[in-house]
Amino acid sequence: MSDLQTEIKNLIIEALGLEDMVAEDIAADLALFGDGLGLDSVDALELGLAIQKRFGIKIDAEAKDTRQHFANVASLAAFVAAKQAA
C-alpha cells in the first residue's frame, strides 16, 4: 500500500468521523459509495473539500470523470498524484 493511499484512508476516517475504523479496514479497491464503504453524497462533498484542502488541488465536481476518481482509494490516490504532478 502506498503512503498516499494510507494518507487518503486516514483522511477519509478523519474527515467523515469514522472513529471506529483504522486505515487497514479500508481496502484500496473497496468501493467508497454504495455497497462498499457506504458513503453518501454529503460524505462525497466533505471528502472532496478535505482532499482539496489537504493536497492543495482543485476538484471539479461537474467533470464527467470525477465520479470515477472517487470510486475507491486506489483511483483517488492516482487522481491526487496526477493533479499534484500537473
N, C-alpha and C. Protein backbone atom coordinates (compact mmCIF):
# COMPACT_ATOMS: atom_id res chain seq x y z
N MET A 1 0.85 -1.18 0.00
CA MET A 1 0.00 0.00 0.00
C MET A 1 0.89 1.24 0.00
N SER A 2 0.56 2.19 -0.87
CA SER A 2 1.38 3.39 -0.97
C SER A 2 1.12 4.33 0.21
N ASP A 3 2.08 5.20 0.46
CA ASP A 3 1.92 6.20 1.52
C ASP A 3 0.74 7.11 1.21
N LEU A 4 0.56 7.45 -0.08
CA LEU A 4 -0.55 8.32 -0.46
C LEU A 4 -1.89 7.64 -0.19
N GLN A 5 -1.99 6.35 -0.48
CA GLN A 5 -3.22 5.62 -0.20
C GLN A 5 -3.50 5.60 1.29
N THR A 6 -2.47 5.37 2.09
CA THR A 6 -2.65 5.37 3.55
C THR A 6 -3.09 6.74 4.03
N GLU A 7 -2.49 7.79 3.48
CA GLU A 7 -2.87 9.15 3.87
C GLU A 7 -4.32 9.43 3.51
N ILE A 8 -4.75 8.98 2.34
CA ILE A 8 -6.14 9.18 1.93
C ILE A 8 -7.09 8.39 2.82
N LYS A 9 -6.72 7.17 3.16
CA LYS A 9 -7.56 6.37 4.06
C LYS A 9 -7.73 7.07 5.40
N ASN A 10 -6.62 7.59 5.93
CA ASN A 10 -6.69 8.30 7.21
C ASN A 10 -7.51 9.59 7.08
N LEU A 11 -7.40 10.25 5.94
CA LEU A 11 -8.19 11.46 5.70
C LEU A 11 -9.68 11.13 5.66
N ILE A 12 -10.04 10.04 5.02
CA ILE A 12 -11.45 9.61 4.97
C ILE A 12 -11.96 9.40 6.39
N ILE A 13 -11.17 8.70 7.19
CA ILE A 13 -11.57 8.41 8.58
C ILE A 13 -11.73 9.69 9.38
N GLU A 14 -10.76 10.61 9.25
CA GLU A 14 -10.80 11.87 10.00
C GLU A 14 -11.93 12.77 9.53
N ALA A 15 -12.01 12.99 8.21
CA ALA A 15 -12.96 13.94 7.65
C ALA A 15 -14.41 13.51 7.85
N LEU A 16 -14.64 12.21 7.87
CA LEU A 16 -16.01 11.72 7.97
C LEU A 16 -16.34 11.18 9.36
N GLY A 17 -15.43 11.33 10.29
CA GLY A 17 -15.69 10.93 11.67
C GLY A 17 -15.92 9.44 11.85
N LEU A 18 -15.16 8.62 11.15
CA LEU A 18 -15.30 7.17 11.25
C LEU A 18 -14.36 6.63 12.33
N GLU A 19 -14.57 7.07 13.57
CA GLU A 19 -13.65 6.77 14.66
C GLU A 19 -13.45 5.29 14.93
N ASP A 20 -14.43 4.46 14.56
CA ASP A 20 -14.33 3.03 14.84
C ASP A 20 -13.55 2.28 13.76
N MET A 21 -12.93 3.01 12.83
CA MET A 21 -12.18 2.38 11.75
C MET A 21 -10.71 2.79 11.81
N VAL A 22 -9.86 1.96 11.22
CA VAL A 22 -8.45 2.29 11.01
C VAL A 22 -8.18 2.11 9.52
N ALA A 23 -7.06 2.67 9.06
CA ALA A 23 -6.73 2.63 7.63
C ALA A 23 -6.75 1.20 7.07
N GLU A 24 -6.31 0.25 7.86
CA GLU A 24 -6.26 -1.15 7.40
C GLU A 24 -7.64 -1.73 7.14
N ASP A 25 -8.69 -1.11 7.68
CA ASP A 25 -10.06 -1.59 7.46
C ASP A 25 -10.58 -1.25 6.06
N ILE A 26 -9.89 -0.34 5.37
CA ILE A 26 -10.37 0.12 4.07
C ILE A 26 -9.43 -0.43 2.99
N ALA A 27 -9.92 -1.37 2.22
CA ALA A 27 -9.11 -1.93 1.12
C ALA A 27 -8.99 -0.88 0.02
N ALA A 28 -7.85 -0.86 -0.66
CA ALA A 28 -7.61 0.14 -1.70
C ALA A 28 -8.63 0.05 -2.83
N ASP A 29 -9.16 -1.15 -3.07
CA ASP A 29 -10.13 -1.33 -4.16
C ASP A 29 -11.58 -1.41 -3.67
N LEU A 30 -11.81 -1.14 -2.39
CA LEU A 30 -13.17 -1.14 -1.84
C LEU A 30 -13.93 0.07 -2.37
N ALA A 31 -15.12 -0.15 -2.89
CA ALA A 31 -15.95 0.96 -3.37
C ALA A 31 -16.24 1.90 -2.20
N LEU A 32 -16.07 3.21 -2.43
CA LEU A 32 -16.32 4.16 -1.35
C LEU A 32 -17.80 4.41 -1.15
N PHE A 33 -18.58 4.24 -2.22
CA PHE A 33 -20.01 4.51 -2.15
C PHE A 33 -20.81 3.24 -2.36
N GLY A 34 -22.08 3.28 -2.02
CA GLY A 34 -22.95 2.12 -2.23
C GLY A 34 -22.62 0.98 -1.29
N ASP A 35 -22.49 -0.22 -1.86
CA ASP A 35 -22.30 -1.42 -1.06
C ASP A 35 -20.91 -1.54 -0.44
N GLY A 36 -19.98 -0.68 -0.85
CA GLY A 36 -18.63 -0.74 -0.29
C GLY A 36 -18.58 -0.12 1.09
N LEU A 37 -17.93 1.03 1.19
CA LEU A 37 -17.79 1.73 2.47
C LEU A 37 -19.10 2.37 2.89
N GLY A 38 -20.00 2.58 1.92
CA GLY A 38 -21.34 3.09 2.23
C GLY A 38 -21.43 4.60 2.35
N LEU A 39 -20.50 5.33 1.74
CA LEU A 39 -20.56 6.78 1.80
C LEU A 39 -21.73 7.29 0.95
N ASP A 40 -22.20 8.51 1.27
CA ASP A 40 -23.29 9.10 0.51
C ASP A 40 -22.85 10.44 -0.09
N SER A 41 -23.78 11.18 -0.68
CA SER A 41 -23.44 12.42 -1.38
C SER A 41 -22.89 13.49 -0.44
N VAL A 42 -23.39 13.55 0.78
CA VAL A 42 -22.87 14.51 1.76
C VAL A 42 -21.43 14.15 2.11
N ASP A 43 -21.17 12.86 2.29
CA ASP A 43 -19.81 12.40 2.55
C ASP A 43 -18.88 12.76 1.38
N ALA A 44 -19.40 12.65 0.15
CA ALA A 44 -18.60 12.97 -1.03
C ALA A 44 -18.18 14.43 -1.01
N LEU A 45 -19.11 15.32 -0.64
CA LEU A 45 -18.78 16.74 -0.56
C LEU A 45 -17.72 17.00 0.51
N GLU A 46 -17.92 16.42 1.68
CA GLU A 46 -16.96 16.61 2.78
C GLU A 46 -15.58 16.05 2.41
N LEU A 47 -15.57 14.89 1.80
CA LEU A 47 -14.31 14.27 1.40
C LEU A 47 -13.62 15.09 0.32
N GLY A 48 -14.39 15.57 -0.64
CA GLY A 48 -13.83 16.40 -1.70
C GLY A 48 -13.18 17.66 -1.14
N LEU A 49 -13.85 18.31 -0.21
CA LEU A 49 -13.29 19.51 0.42
C LEU A 49 -12.03 19.19 1.21
N ALA A 50 -12.07 18.09 1.94
CA ALA A 50 -10.90 17.69 2.74
C ALA A 50 -9.70 17.39 1.85
N ILE A 51 -9.94 16.74 0.72
CA ILE A 51 -8.85 16.41 -0.21
C ILE A 51 -8.27 17.68 -0.83
N GLN A 52 -9.15 18.60 -1.22
CA GLN A 52 -8.68 19.86 -1.79
C GLN A 52 -7.81 20.62 -0.79
N LYS A 53 -8.25 20.65 0.45
CA LYS A 53 -7.52 21.37 1.49
C LYS A 53 -6.19 20.69 1.82
N ARG A 54 -6.21 19.38 2.02
CA ARG A 54 -5.01 18.64 2.41
C ARG A 54 -3.94 18.65 1.32
N PHE A 55 -4.37 18.44 0.07
CA PHE A 55 -3.40 18.27 -1.01
C PHE A 55 -3.24 19.51 -1.89
N GLY A 56 -4.02 20.55 -1.63
CA GLY A 56 -3.88 21.79 -2.40
C GLY A 56 -4.22 21.64 -3.87
N ILE A 57 -5.21 20.81 -4.15
CA ILE A 57 -5.62 20.62 -5.54
C ILE A 57 -7.06 21.09 -5.72
N LYS A 58 -7.45 21.29 -6.97
CA LYS A 58 -8.81 21.71 -7.29
C LYS A 58 -9.55 20.52 -7.88
N ILE A 59 -10.76 20.28 -7.37
CA ILE A 59 -11.59 19.20 -7.89
C ILE A 59 -12.83 19.82 -8.52
N ASP A 60 -13.06 19.50 -9.78
CA ASP A 60 -14.24 19.99 -10.49
C ASP A 60 -15.37 18.99 -10.30
N ALA A 61 -16.32 19.34 -9.45
CA ALA A 61 -17.42 18.43 -9.14
C ALA A 61 -18.29 18.13 -10.36
N GLU A 62 -18.26 19.02 -11.34
CA GLU A 62 -19.09 18.84 -12.54
C GLU A 62 -18.40 18.02 -13.63
N ALA A 63 -17.11 17.77 -13.48
CA ALA A 63 -16.39 17.00 -14.50
C ALA A 63 -16.96 15.58 -14.58
N LYS A 64 -17.07 15.09 -15.80
CA LYS A 64 -17.70 13.78 -16.00
C LYS A 64 -16.92 12.62 -15.39
N ASP A 65 -15.61 12.79 -15.21
CA ASP A 65 -14.80 11.69 -14.67
C ASP A 65 -14.57 11.78 -13.16
N THR A 66 -15.11 12.80 -12.51
CA THR A 66 -14.91 12.96 -11.07
C THR A 66 -15.44 11.75 -10.30
N ARG A 67 -16.59 11.26 -10.68
CA ARG A 67 -17.18 10.09 -10.00
C ARG A 67 -16.25 8.88 -10.08
N GLN A 68 -15.59 8.71 -11.23
CA GLN A 68 -14.66 7.60 -11.39
C GLN A 68 -13.45 7.75 -10.46
N HIS A 69 -12.98 8.99 -10.30
CA HIS A 69 -11.83 9.24 -9.43
C HIS A 69 -12.15 8.90 -7.98
N PHE A 70 -13.40 9.06 -7.59
CA PHE A 70 -13.82 8.79 -6.22
C PHE A 70 -14.38 7.37 -6.04
N ALA A 71 -14.11 6.49 -6.98
CA ALA A 71 -14.64 5.13 -6.91
C ALA A 71 -14.07 4.35 -5.73
N ASN A 72 -12.75 4.47 -5.52
CA ASN A 72 -12.10 3.76 -4.42
C ASN A 72 -10.82 4.51 -4.05
N VAL A 73 -10.14 4.05 -3.03
CA VAL A 73 -8.93 4.72 -2.56
C VAL A 73 -7.83 4.70 -3.63
N ALA A 74 -7.68 3.60 -4.33
CA ALA A 74 -6.64 3.49 -5.35
C ALA A 74 -6.86 4.52 -6.46
N SER A 75 -8.10 4.66 -6.94
CA SER A 75 -8.36 5.63 -8.02
C SER A 75 -8.24 7.05 -7.49
N LEU A 76 -8.60 7.28 -6.26
CA LEU A 76 -8.48 8.60 -5.66
C LEU A 76 -7.01 8.98 -5.49
N ALA A 77 -6.18 8.03 -5.07
CA ALA A 77 -4.75 8.28 -4.93
C ALA A 77 -4.12 8.59 -6.28
N ALA A 78 -4.51 7.87 -7.31
CA ALA A 78 -3.98 8.11 -8.66
C ALA A 78 -4.38 9.51 -9.14
N PHE A 79 -5.62 9.91 -8.86
CA PHE A 79 -6.11 11.24 -9.23
C PHE A 79 -5.32 12.34 -8.51
N VAL A 80 -5.14 12.18 -7.20
CA VAL A 80 -4.40 13.18 -6.42
C VAL A 80 -2.96 13.27 -6.93
N ALA A 81 -2.32 12.14 -7.17
CA ALA A 81 -0.94 12.13 -7.66
C ALA A 81 -0.84 12.83 -9.02
N ALA A 82 -1.81 12.58 -9.90
CA ALA A 82 -1.79 13.21 -11.21
C ALA A 82 -2.00 14.72 -11.10
N LYS A 83 -2.89 15.14 -10.23
CA LYS A 83 -3.15 16.57 -10.03
C LYS A 83 -1.92 17.28 -9.46
N GLN A 84 -1.25 16.62 -8.53
CA GLN A 84 -0.06 17.21 -7.91
C GLN A 84 1.09 17.31 -8.91
N ALA A 85 1.16 16.36 -9.82
CA ALA A 85 2.24 16.34 -10.81
C ALA A 85 1.99 17.36 -11.93
N ALA A 86 0.74 17.74 -12.13
CA ALA A 86 0.39 18.67 -13.23
C ALA A 86 0.88 20.08 -12.96
